[in-house]
Amino acid sequence: MTDCVLGVDLGTSSVKVTAVTKVGDIIAQEGMNFPLNQPKPGYAEQDPEDWVSATTVSIVRLILKDRIKPEDIKGISYSGQMHGLVLLDKNHKVLCPAMLWNDTRSTKQREEIMAKMGERFVEITHNKPLEGFTLPKLLWVKENQPEIFKRATTMLLPKDYLRFRMTGKLAIDYSDATGTVMLDVNQQQWSKEILDAFDIPESLCPPLVRSIDETGNVDEWYAEYSGLSTDTKTFGGGADNACGAVGAGIDGPTKVLSSIGTSGVILKYEPKKETNYGGVIQYEDHAIPDAYYSMGVTLAAGYSLSWFKKTFANSEGFTDVVESAGNSTVGANGLLFAPYIVGERAPYADADIRGSFIGIDGIHQRYDFVRAVLEGIIFSFRDILDLYEGKGSQFDTVISIGGGAKSPLWQQIQANIFNVKVISLQNEQGPGLGAAMLAAVGIGWYKDISECSKVFVQFKDVFLPEPESVKKYQKLHEIYRKIYPSTKEITHDLVDFRRENND
C-alpha cells in the first residue's frame, strides 16, 4: 500500500473519512451517521462523543476493511461543521450538549450584541452576529445556564474537539475562529474589545493555528482506540466552507464557487482582509494561509427546485424535469421566478419575503415554469455577484458544484447569466478532499495549496457564455431585480395574514 493522508469531513449528520494518495487518488472512503437532537423548537444539539465514535469507526473500517496500513497514514486534517459551541471544564470534559450552527435559540443575545456594539461589531468581525454564529450561543449559555458557564474553561468548535480527542492538544484554526464572531479580522487575534464588552474570559478561547499547521501527533490513547500509529501527524484543518473551497480549487481571486444544495452559496476568494461587506455577505478567513473568502447565501436554491418537482411533478425523475426546461426559451417565454420561498439571506436579509412567479400567461407550459425556476435561482446568485462587482471585484471562472453541476443545461444557463466560463469538477468530494489537501501541504508533499490544487483538483466540463443569450439575460436580470422591492410589502402582509389566521 502507498502513503496517504486522511481528510475527515465532520458534517451535521455524518462524518466521512477519505484516504488520498500523494497524487490525489482517492483510495478509500468510509463514513457513519450520528443523531441530531432537537429537544425544543429552535434547538439543535449533538453529543460531541458521537463525533469521536463515528470518526473512529470510520478509521477502523479503513484499516480493517480497506486494508490501509496505519504506518502508511502520514497525516490527518479536518473539515468541520461551522459555528457549533462545545464547552469543556477544567478537566477537559464536555459540560453540555454542543449547540450547532442551525440552533436558533439565541435571537435575544444577537439583538443584545447589536444594541451594545452596533456597527463597531461589524467593523471588527466583518460579520453581523447571526443566531447561527458561536458568540450568541455562548452568551445564551452565560445568561441561561450560568453554572455551566462558570465551570467552562475552554470553548471549541466541532472539528477542534474531535482533533483534541485524537491528540490531547487544544487549538482552533483561523477559518473556524472567524465564524465564532469573536476574532478581530484585521488584527488576526481574539478581539479583546468584544470579549470585554460581554465579560467573556479570554482564557476560554483556544490557541489560534493556521489550517496547514501541525497540531500534534495522534496520542497513545487514541492510537490504541483507533488502530492509528502515534507517528501520524494532525493538522489544523478548516471550516467546511473553507475546505470545500480548497477542494474545489478556489485558490485565487478570479475564481468563484457556485454551489447549489438545499440552499445556494456563492463563495469568492478574497486576497485582502481589509475588504468589508458590512455583514451583508459573510466574511471569513480561508483555510489557505493569509487569504480570506466571502460567501453570499440564497436560502432556497435547490430547495426551490425540489419543492416545484414535489408539488407539480412528483412521479417524474429529477433529470427529466430539469431537462424539460430545454423546451422553453431564454427568459422562459416571459416568465420570472423569485426563489424567496423560505425568506432570503443575501443580498436581502429578510425572513418574511416570499417567492413569486411573475408574468404568468395563458401560453405558458409546465416546462416554462421549470425554466423560470432554474433561471430565478441563478438570478439570485447574480445579485450576489453584483455586490462583488460593486466593490471592484473581477472574476473569470465559476466552478459549479452540487445540483447546478449535474445538468449541462443548467450549467449553460449559469455561464450565460454570469457571463464567464463555468467549470464542473471531475471528482466532487469538496470539504473532505480539501481537508486531505491541507494535510498533504502540512506534511510537505506540496509547498502550498495552489501547487497541491494542480494535482488534486481535476476539472471536467467547460461552458462558455453565448453572447446573444448573455444580452437577453442582462435585460431580464434588470427586470428580476425589481421583484423584491415590488413584492416585499405584499408578501409581508400575506405572511402576517397566515400567522394571524393559523393561530
Protein backbone atom coordinates (compact mmCIF):
# COMPACT_ATOMS: atom_id res chain seq x y z
CA MET A 1 0.00 0.00 0.00
CA THR A 2 1.11 3.54 -0.67
CA ASP A 3 1.44 6.53 1.66
CA CYS A 4 -1.75 8.54 2.13
CA VAL A 5 -3.39 11.30 4.15
CA LEU A 6 -6.86 11.30 5.68
CA GLY A 7 -9.38 14.09 5.18
CA VAL A 8 -12.01 13.99 7.93
CA ASP A 9 -15.25 15.76 6.91
CA LEU A 10 -17.33 16.25 10.06
CA GLY A 11 -20.79 17.29 8.89
CA THR A 12 -24.08 17.94 10.66
CA SER A 13 -25.48 14.44 10.23
CA SER A 14 -22.46 12.27 9.41
CA VAL A 15 -18.71 12.03 9.14
CA LYS A 16 -16.77 10.93 6.04
CA VAL A 17 -13.11 9.95 6.20
CA THR A 18 -11.31 9.94 2.85
CA ALA A 19 -7.88 8.40 2.20
CA VAL A 20 -5.96 10.20 -0.56
CA THR A 21 -2.54 9.43 -2.04
CA LYS A 22 0.26 11.86 -2.85
CA VAL A 23 -1.02 12.15 -6.46
CA GLY A 24 -4.58 12.94 -5.38
CA ASP A 25 -6.12 9.48 -5.92
CA ILE A 26 -8.92 8.60 -3.51
CA ILE A 27 -8.14 5.02 -2.48
CA ALA A 28 -10.84 4.52 0.16
CA GLN A 29 -13.65 6.32 1.93
CA GLU A 30 -15.68 5.36 4.99
CA GLY A 31 -18.39 7.18 6.90
CA MET A 32 -21.01 6.96 9.60
CA ASN A 33 -24.14 8.86 10.60
CA PHE A 34 -24.87 10.30 14.04
CA PRO A 35 -28.06 11.76 15.55
CA LEU A 36 -29.19 15.38 15.73
CA ASN A 37 -31.26 16.20 18.82
CA GLN A 38 -33.95 18.90 18.82
CA PRO A 39 -35.42 18.82 22.35
CA LYS A 40 -37.30 22.11 21.89
CA PRO A 41 -38.28 24.31 18.93
CA GLY A 42 -35.19 26.20 17.72
CA TYR A 43 -32.76 23.84 19.47
CA ALA A 44 -30.19 21.76 17.53
CA GLU A 45 -27.78 19.77 19.65
CA GLN A 46 -25.33 16.88 19.42
CA ASP A 47 -23.24 14.83 21.83
CA PRO A 48 -19.59 15.55 20.88
CA GLU A 49 -18.68 11.97 21.77
CA ASP A 50 -20.86 10.84 18.85
CA TRP A 51 -18.44 12.65 16.51
CA VAL A 52 -15.48 10.85 18.07
CA SER A 53 -17.17 7.44 17.93
CA ALA A 54 -18.35 7.81 14.32
CA THR A 55 -14.93 9.04 13.15
CA THR A 56 -13.17 6.22 14.96
CA VAL A 57 -15.45 3.57 13.46
CA SER A 58 -14.73 5.04 10.01
CA ILE A 59 -10.96 4.92 10.60
CA VAL A 60 -11.14 1.35 11.93
CA ARG A 61 -13.01 0.35 8.75
CA LEU A 62 -10.33 1.97 6.60
CA ILE A 63 -7.71 -0.10 8.41
CA LEU A 64 -9.57 -3.41 8.64
CA LYS A 65 -11.87 -3.41 5.61
CA ASP A 66 -9.92 -1.30 3.13
CA ARG A 67 -6.53 -2.69 4.23
CA ILE A 68 -4.88 0.68 4.74
CA LYS A 69 -1.83 0.18 6.94
CA PRO A 70 -1.67 2.55 9.93
CA GLU A 71 2.00 3.31 9.21
CA ASP A 72 1.02 4.47 5.68
CA ILE A 73 -1.29 7.18 7.08
CA LYS A 74 1.14 10.11 7.27
CA GLY A 75 -1.23 12.92 8.18
CA ILE A 76 -4.81 13.77 9.13
CA SER A 77 -6.64 17.04 8.72
CA TYR A 78 -10.22 18.11 9.27
CA SER A 79 -13.18 19.90 7.77
CA GLY A 80 -15.90 20.75 10.26
CA GLN A 81 -19.45 22.00 10.51
CA MET A 82 -19.09 25.66 11.42
CA HIS A 83 -20.09 27.74 14.45
CA GLY A 84 -21.03 24.90 16.85
CA LEU A 85 -20.26 25.53 20.54
CA VAL A 86 -18.52 22.89 22.69
CA LEU A 87 -17.70 23.85 26.29
CA LEU A 88 -15.11 21.97 28.38
CA ASP A 89 -14.42 22.12 32.12
CA LYS A 90 -11.00 22.31 33.80
CA ASN A 91 -10.54 18.55 33.25
CA HIS A 92 -11.42 18.98 29.54
CA LYS A 93 -14.73 17.14 29.99
CA VAL A 94 -17.77 18.23 27.94
CA LEU A 95 -20.15 20.29 30.08
CA CYS A 96 -23.32 20.19 27.96
CA PRO A 97 -24.56 19.13 24.51
CA ALA A 98 -22.95 21.02 21.63
CA MET A 99 -25.13 23.81 20.19
CA LEU A 100 -24.97 23.60 16.39
CA TRP A 101 -24.91 26.17 13.58
CA ASN A 102 -28.65 25.64 12.94
CA ASP A 103 -29.62 26.25 16.57
CA THR A 104 -31.67 29.47 16.60
CA ARG A 105 -32.49 29.96 20.29
CA SER A 106 -30.16 32.97 20.66
CA THR A 107 -32.18 35.75 18.95
CA LYS A 108 -32.27 37.77 22.20
CA GLN A 109 -28.47 37.56 22.50
CA ARG A 110 -27.98 38.54 18.85
CA GLU A 111 -30.08 41.64 19.48
CA GLU A 112 -28.12 42.42 22.66
CA ILE A 113 -24.83 42.26 20.74
CA MET A 114 -26.02 44.75 18.12
CA ALA A 115 -27.63 47.01 20.74
CA LYS A 116 -24.35 47.16 22.67
CA MET A 117 -21.80 47.35 19.84
CA GLY A 118 -23.71 48.05 16.60
CA GLU A 119 -21.57 48.81 13.56
CA ARG A 120 -18.40 48.59 15.63
CA PHE A 121 -19.03 44.85 15.92
CA VAL A 122 -19.27 44.56 12.12
CA GLU A 123 -16.06 46.60 11.74
CA ILE A 124 -14.15 44.17 13.96
CA THR A 125 -15.58 40.84 12.75
CA HIS A 126 -16.71 41.78 9.19
CA ASN A 127 -19.95 39.96 10.04
CA LYS A 128 -23.26 40.52 11.77
CA PRO A 129 -23.90 38.30 14.82
CA LEU A 130 -26.45 35.89 13.34
CA GLU A 131 -28.01 33.27 15.63
CA GLY A 132 -26.03 30.61 13.79
CA PHE A 133 -22.67 32.02 14.95
CA THR A 134 -20.88 31.00 18.15
CA LEU A 135 -20.84 34.18 20.25
CA PRO A 136 -24.66 34.48 20.55
CA LYS A 137 -24.72 30.82 21.65
CA LEU A 138 -22.03 31.45 24.27
CA LEU A 139 -24.00 34.42 25.61
CA TRP A 140 -27.15 32.27 25.71
CA VAL A 141 -25.32 29.78 27.96
CA LYS A 142 -23.98 32.66 30.10
CA GLU A 143 -27.49 34.04 30.62
CA ASN A 144 -29.50 30.80 30.83
CA GLN A 145 -27.04 28.27 32.27
CA PRO A 146 -24.74 30.40 34.47
CA GLU A 147 -23.45 27.40 36.45
CA ILE A 148 -22.23 25.74 33.25
CA PHE A 149 -20.66 28.98 32.01
CA LYS A 150 -18.88 29.43 35.36
CA ARG A 151 -17.35 25.95 35.11
CA ALA A 152 -16.28 26.36 31.46
CA THR A 153 -12.54 26.83 30.87
CA THR A 154 -12.35 26.16 27.10
CA MET A 155 -14.54 26.77 24.07
CA LEU A 156 -14.04 24.61 20.97
CA LEU A 157 -15.78 24.13 17.64
CA PRO A 158 -16.79 20.62 16.48
CA LYS A 159 -13.78 19.59 14.43
CA ASP A 160 -11.44 21.09 17.02
CA TYR A 161 -12.97 18.93 19.74
CA LEU A 162 -12.50 15.89 17.51
CA ARG A 163 -8.84 16.78 16.92
CA PHE A 164 -8.37 17.39 20.66
CA ARG A 165 -9.65 13.89 21.43
CA MET A 166 -7.13 12.45 18.94
CA THR A 167 -4.13 14.46 20.17
CA GLY A 168 -4.86 15.87 23.62
CA LYS A 169 -3.94 19.34 22.30
CA LEU A 170 -6.26 22.38 22.19
CA ALA A 171 -6.34 24.61 19.08
CA ILE A 172 -8.67 26.31 16.63
CA ASP A 173 -7.78 27.36 13.10
CA TYR A 174 -8.40 30.87 11.80
CA SER A 175 -11.19 29.92 9.36
CA ASP A 176 -13.34 28.45 12.15
CA ALA A 177 -12.29 31.20 14.57
CA THR A 178 -13.72 33.88 12.23
CA GLY A 179 -17.04 32.01 12.35
CA THR A 180 -17.24 32.48 16.12
CA VAL A 181 -17.50 36.28 15.51
CA MET A 182 -15.03 36.77 18.35
CA LEU A 183 -11.99 37.23 16.09
CA ASP A 184 -10.66 40.64 15.10
CA VAL A 185 -10.24 40.00 11.37
CA ASN A 186 -7.88 42.91 10.74
CA GLN A 187 -5.63 42.07 13.70
CA GLN A 188 -5.96 38.27 13.29
CA GLN A 189 -6.37 37.70 17.02
CA TRP A 190 -9.18 37.23 19.51
CA SER A 191 -10.94 40.57 19.94
CA LYS A 192 -10.31 41.85 23.46
CA GLU A 193 -12.87 44.60 22.79
CA ILE A 194 -15.66 42.07 22.08
CA LEU A 195 -14.65 39.72 24.91
CA ASP A 196 -14.52 42.59 27.41
CA ALA A 197 -17.83 44.03 26.20
CA PHE A 198 -19.62 40.78 27.07
CA ASP A 199 -17.48 39.76 30.05
CA ILE A 200 -16.04 36.64 28.41
CA PRO A 201 -12.66 35.47 29.76
CA GLU A 202 -10.02 35.36 27.03
CA SER A 203 -8.81 32.06 28.54
CA LEU A 204 -11.95 30.43 27.07
CA CYS A 205 -10.55 30.96 23.57
CA PRO A 206 -8.09 28.26 22.44
CA PRO A 207 -4.74 28.97 20.72
CA LEU A 208 -5.02 30.02 17.06
CA VAL A 209 -3.30 27.99 14.33
CA ARG A 210 -3.23 28.05 10.53
CA SER A 211 -5.10 25.31 8.69
CA ILE A 212 -1.86 23.74 7.46
CA ASP A 213 -0.09 23.97 10.84
CA GLU A 214 0.87 20.81 12.68
CA THR A 215 -1.29 20.26 15.77
CA GLY A 216 0.40 17.25 17.32
CA ASN A 217 0.67 13.54 16.66
CA VAL A 218 -2.07 11.02 17.37
CA ASP A 219 -1.61 10.30 21.10
CA GLU A 220 -1.21 6.89 22.68
CA TRP A 221 -4.78 6.70 23.97
CA TYR A 222 -6.30 7.40 20.57
CA ALA A 223 -3.81 5.16 18.76
CA GLU A 224 -4.92 2.27 20.95
CA TYR A 225 -8.60 3.19 20.48
CA SER A 226 -8.47 3.55 16.69
CA GLY A 227 -5.54 1.46 15.48
CA LEU A 228 -3.71 4.51 14.14
CA SER A 229 0.03 4.99 14.60
CA THR A 230 1.41 7.58 17.02
CA ASP A 231 3.69 8.64 14.13
CA THR A 232 0.67 10.09 12.29
CA LYS A 233 0.62 13.88 12.41
CA THR A 234 -2.51 16.03 12.62
CA PHE A 235 -3.07 19.49 11.12
CA GLY A 236 -5.34 22.43 11.91
CA GLY A 237 -7.96 21.87 9.22
CA GLY A 238 -10.72 24.34 8.49
CA ALA A 239 -14.38 25.28 8.44
CA ASP A 240 -16.42 23.20 5.98
CA ASN A 241 -16.96 26.07 3.54
CA ALA A 242 -13.26 26.94 3.57
CA CYS A 243 -12.28 23.30 2.99
CA GLY A 244 -14.98 22.94 0.32
CA ALA A 245 -13.43 25.92 -1.47
CA VAL A 246 -9.96 24.34 -1.23
CA GLY A 247 -11.32 21.03 -2.57
CA ALA A 248 -12.98 22.85 -5.48
CA GLY A 249 -9.83 24.73 -6.46
CA ILE A 250 -10.91 28.19 -5.25
CA ASP A 251 -7.33 29.34 -4.70
CA GLY A 252 -7.20 32.72 -6.44
CA PRO A 253 -9.17 35.98 -6.70
CA THR A 254 -10.51 35.33 -10.22
CA LYS A 255 -12.40 32.17 -9.18
CA VAL A 256 -15.88 31.92 -7.67
CA LEU A 257 -17.71 28.85 -6.36
CA SER A 258 -21.37 28.32 -7.27
CA SER A 259 -22.83 25.63 -5.01
CA ILE A 260 -26.44 24.51 -5.25
CA GLY A 261 -27.64 22.34 -2.41
CA THR A 262 -30.81 22.91 -0.37
CA SER A 263 -29.53 26.45 -0.02
CA GLY A 264 -27.22 28.06 -2.54
CA VAL A 265 -23.81 29.59 -1.96
CA ILE A 266 -21.68 31.96 -3.96
CA LEU A 267 -18.22 31.83 -2.43
CA LYS A 268 -15.36 34.07 -3.50
CA TYR A 269 -11.65 34.03 -2.70
CA GLU A 270 -10.58 37.29 -1.06
CA PRO A 271 -6.90 38.28 -1.11
CA LYS A 272 -7.27 41.14 1.41
CA LYS A 273 -8.54 41.26 4.99
CA GLU A 274 -9.43 44.95 4.58
CA THR A 275 -12.48 44.14 2.44
CA ASN A 276 -15.70 44.58 4.40
CA TYR A 277 -19.19 43.97 3.04
CA GLY A 278 -20.89 45.38 6.14
CA GLY A 279 -22.23 41.99 7.15
CA VAL A 280 -24.44 41.64 4.04
CA ILE A 281 -22.08 38.90 2.86
CA GLN A 282 -20.41 36.54 5.32
CA TYR A 283 -16.64 37.10 5.51
CA GLU A 284 -14.19 34.51 6.82
CA ASP A 285 -10.54 33.57 6.99
CA HIS A 286 -9.73 31.00 4.30
CA ALA A 287 -8.04 27.68 5.01
CA ILE A 288 -5.34 28.98 2.65
CA PRO A 289 -2.87 30.93 4.82
CA ASP A 290 -3.11 34.73 4.62
CA ALA A 291 -6.21 34.60 2.41
CA TYR A 292 -9.91 35.07 3.04
CA TYR A 293 -13.21 34.17 1.45
CA SER A 294 -16.64 35.72 1.40
CA MET A 295 -19.94 33.99 0.96
CA GLY A 296 -23.43 35.02 -0.02
CA VAL A 297 -26.30 32.62 0.65
CA THR A 298 -29.56 32.10 -1.22
CA LEU A 299 -31.74 30.27 1.28
CA ALA A 300 -33.91 28.28 -1.14
CA ALA A 301 -31.78 27.41 -4.18
CA GLY A 302 -32.04 23.66 -4.71
CA TYR A 303 -34.98 23.67 -2.32
CA SER A 304 -36.98 25.80 -4.79
CA LEU A 305 -36.46 23.21 -7.50
CA SER A 306 -37.20 20.22 -5.23
CA TRP A 307 -40.34 22.00 -3.96
CA PHE A 308 -41.50 22.57 -7.55
CA LYS A 309 -40.82 18.97 -8.57
CA LYS A 310 -42.52 17.51 -5.49
CA THR A 311 -45.56 19.75 -5.93
CA PHE A 312 -46.04 19.60 -9.70
CA ALA A 313 -44.09 16.57 -10.98
CA ASN A 314 -43.82 14.19 -8.06
CA SER A 315 -43.92 10.98 -10.09
CA GLU A 316 -41.24 12.05 -12.60
CA GLY A 317 -37.46 11.76 -12.40
CA PHE A 318 -35.46 14.80 -11.38
CA THR A 319 -33.30 14.77 -14.50
CA ASP A 320 -36.33 14.62 -16.81
CA VAL A 321 -37.98 17.56 -15.06
CA VAL A 322 -34.82 19.71 -15.25
CA GLU A 323 -34.09 18.83 -18.88
CA SER A 324 -37.68 19.69 -19.89
CA ALA A 325 -36.62 23.34 -19.45
CA GLY A 326 -34.79 22.91 -22.76
CA ASN A 327 -38.19 23.07 -24.47
CA SER A 328 -38.57 26.64 -23.25
CA THR A 329 -36.57 29.72 -24.22
CA VAL A 330 -34.14 32.16 -22.60
CA GLY A 331 -36.40 34.01 -20.19
CA ALA A 332 -38.97 31.17 -20.08
CA ASN A 333 -41.23 32.89 -22.62
CA GLY A 334 -41.53 35.98 -20.42
CA LEU A 335 -41.88 34.24 -17.03
CA LEU A 336 -39.75 35.08 -13.98
CA PHE A 337 -39.42 33.28 -10.66
CA ALA A 338 -38.08 34.78 -7.41
CA PRO A 339 -36.81 31.92 -5.19
CA TYR A 340 -37.68 33.51 -1.85
CA ILE A 341 -39.92 30.66 -0.73
CA VAL A 342 -38.44 30.46 2.79
CA GLY A 343 -37.23 34.07 3.05
CA GLU A 344 -33.84 35.31 1.86
CA ARG A 345 -30.34 35.88 3.25
CA ALA A 346 -28.25 37.79 0.67
CA PRO A 347 -28.44 40.41 -0.59
CA TYR A 348 -31.79 40.82 1.19
CA ALA A 349 -31.69 39.71 4.84
CA ASP A 350 -35.47 39.28 5.02
CA ALA A 351 -37.07 36.30 6.76
CA ASP A 352 -40.59 37.31 5.63
CA ILE A 353 -40.13 37.88 1.90
CA ARG A 354 -41.79 35.14 -0.15
CA GLY A 355 -41.38 33.79 -3.66
CA SER A 356 -43.23 34.76 -6.82
CA PHE A 357 -43.90 33.73 -10.38
CA ILE A 358 -44.21 36.98 -12.35
CA GLY A 359 -45.66 37.26 -15.86
CA ILE A 360 -47.83 34.14 -15.98
CA ASP A 361 -49.57 33.96 -19.37
CA GLY A 362 -52.10 31.56 -20.86
CA ILE A 363 -49.44 30.35 -23.30
CA HIS A 364 -47.11 29.05 -20.59
CA GLN A 365 -46.44 25.33 -20.30
CA ARG A 366 -45.00 23.49 -17.32
CA TYR A 367 -41.55 23.47 -18.92
CA ASP A 368 -41.62 27.29 -18.90
CA PHE A 369 -42.15 27.21 -15.14
CA VAL A 370 -39.22 24.78 -14.74
CA ARG A 371 -37.02 27.07 -16.83
CA ALA A 372 -38.11 30.08 -14.77
CA VAL A 373 -37.15 28.27 -11.54
CA LEU A 374 -33.69 27.35 -12.89
CA GLU A 375 -33.11 30.90 -14.11
CA GLY A 376 -34.52 32.52 -10.94
CA ILE A 377 -32.09 30.64 -8.72
CA ILE A 378 -29.15 31.80 -10.85
CA PHE A 379 -30.51 35.37 -10.98
CA SER A 380 -30.43 35.34 -7.16
CA PHE A 381 -26.75 34.30 -7.40
CA ARG A 382 -26.19 37.11 -9.92
CA ASP A 383 -27.48 39.56 -7.27
CA ILE A 384 -24.63 38.42 -5.01
CA LEU A 385 -22.07 38.74 -7.81
CA ASP A 386 -23.32 42.28 -8.41
CA LEU A 387 -22.38 43.13 -4.81
CA TYR A 388 -18.86 41.87 -5.53
CA GLU A 389 -18.56 43.79 -8.78
CA GLY A 390 -19.77 46.91 -6.97
CA LYS A 391 -16.67 46.55 -4.76
CA GLY A 392 -14.42 46.33 -7.82
CA SER A 393 -14.01 42.54 -7.91
CA GLN A 394 -13.37 40.83 -11.21
CA PHE A 395 -13.58 37.10 -11.88
CA ASP A 396 -13.28 34.94 -14.97
CA THR A 397 -14.22 31.44 -13.75
CA VAL A 398 -17.17 29.99 -11.85
CA ILE A 399 -16.70 26.46 -10.52
CA SER A 400 -20.12 24.82 -10.27
CA ILE A 401 -20.82 22.07 -7.75
CA GLY A 402 -23.93 20.42 -6.33
CA GLY A 403 -27.21 20.28 -8.21
CA GLY A 404 -26.21 23.02 -10.64
CA ALA A 405 -23.31 20.89 -11.92
CA LYS A 406 -25.43 17.84 -12.70
CA SER A 407 -27.26 19.37 -15.67
CA PRO A 408 -25.45 20.67 -18.78
CA LEU A 409 -28.49 22.89 -19.48
CA TRP A 410 -28.29 24.48 -16.03
CA GLN A 411 -24.53 24.96 -16.31
CA GLN A 412 -25.02 26.77 -19.64
CA ILE A 413 -27.68 28.98 -18.02
CA GLN A 414 -25.10 29.85 -15.32
CA ALA A 415 -22.45 30.70 -17.92
CA ASN A 416 -24.88 33.00 -19.73
CA ILE A 417 -26.22 34.76 -16.63
CA PHE A 418 -22.77 35.10 -15.02
CA ASN A 419 -21.13 35.95 -18.38
CA VAL A 420 -17.99 33.96 -17.50
CA LYS A 421 -16.92 30.38 -18.14
CA VAL A 422 -18.45 27.75 -15.85
CA ILE A 423 -16.50 24.61 -14.98
CA SER A 424 -17.54 21.40 -13.21
CA LEU A 425 -15.28 19.03 -11.27
CA GLN A 426 -14.19 15.53 -12.20
CA ASN A 427 -14.38 14.38 -8.60
CA GLU A 428 -16.71 16.41 -6.39
CA GLN A 429 -15.51 15.48 -2.90
CA GLY A 430 -15.45 19.06 -1.61
CA PRO A 431 -14.65 19.52 2.10
CA GLY A 432 -13.15 16.04 2.62
CA LEU A 433 -10.76 16.46 -0.29
CA GLY A 434 -9.94 19.99 0.89
CA ALA A 435 -9.06 18.65 4.34
CA ALA A 436 -6.82 15.98 2.77
CA MET A 437 -5.09 18.71 0.74
CA LEU A 438 -4.35 20.66 3.94
CA ALA A 439 -2.68 17.55 5.36
CA ALA A 440 -0.76 16.98 2.11
CA VAL A 441 0.65 20.52 2.29
CA GLY A 442 1.18 20.25 6.06
CA ILE A 443 3.43 17.20 5.81
CA GLY A 444 5.41 18.77 2.98
CA TRP A 445 4.22 16.86 -0.10
CA TYR A 446 3.47 20.26 -1.69
CA LYS A 447 4.85 23.69 -0.96
CA ASP A 448 1.41 25.35 -0.89
CA ILE A 449 -2.30 24.84 -1.62
CA SER A 450 -2.00 26.20 -5.16
CA GLU A 451 0.63 23.60 -6.10
CA CYS A 452 -1.49 20.86 -4.49
CA SER A 453 -4.63 22.03 -6.36
CA LYS A 454 -2.94 21.47 -9.72
CA VAL A 455 -2.65 17.76 -8.86
CA PHE A 456 -5.67 17.07 -6.61
CA VAL A 457 -8.41 19.14 -8.34
CA GLN A 458 -9.43 17.86 -11.75
CA PHE A 459 -11.89 19.77 -13.94
CA LYS A 460 -14.42 18.14 -16.25
CA ASP A 461 -16.80 20.22 -18.41
CA VAL A 462 -16.39 23.84 -19.51
CA PHE A 463 -19.34 26.01 -20.54
CA LEU A 464 -18.67 29.34 -22.25
CA PRO A 465 -21.07 32.32 -22.37
CA GLU A 466 -23.18 32.63 -25.53
CA PRO A 467 -23.17 36.34 -26.47
CA GLU A 468 -26.80 36.57 -27.68
CA SER A 469 -28.12 34.81 -24.58
CA VAL A 470 -25.90 36.95 -22.34
CA LYS A 471 -27.53 40.13 -23.70
CA LYS A 472 -31.02 38.76 -23.12
CA TYR A 473 -30.21 37.66 -19.58
CA GLN A 474 -28.73 41.06 -18.74
CA LYS A 475 -32.05 42.67 -19.68
CA LEU A 476 -34.01 40.03 -17.78
CA HIS A 477 -31.90 40.46 -14.66
CA GLU A 478 -32.71 44.17 -14.60
CA ILE A 479 -36.39 43.21 -14.56
CA TYR A 480 -35.79 40.45 -11.98
CA ARG A 481 -34.17 42.97 -9.61
CA LYS A 482 -37.48 44.85 -9.42
CA ILE A 483 -39.29 41.84 -7.94
CA TYR A 484 -38.01 42.17 -4.36
CA PRO A 485 -38.90 45.87 -3.83
CA SER A 486 -42.19 45.43 -5.71
CA THR A 487 -43.41 42.38 -3.77
CA LYS A 488 -41.89 42.99 -0.31
CA GLU A 489 -44.92 44.71 1.23
CA ILE A 490 -47.42 42.31 -0.36
CA THR A 491 -45.65 39.14 0.76
CA HIS A 492 -45.02 40.50 4.27
CA ASP A 493 -48.77 41.19 4.57
CA LEU A 494 -49.53 37.66 3.40
CA VAL A 495 -47.11 36.15 5.93
CA ASP A 496 -48.77 38.23 8.68
CA PHE A 497 -52.22 37.15 7.48
CA ARG A 498 -51.23 33.48 7.61
CA ARG A 499 -49.78 33.83 11.09
CA GLU A 500 -52.90 35.57 12.38
CA ASN A 501 -55.23 33.01 10.85
CA ASN A 502 -53.23 29.93 11.78
CA ASP A 503 -53.05 30.80 15.49
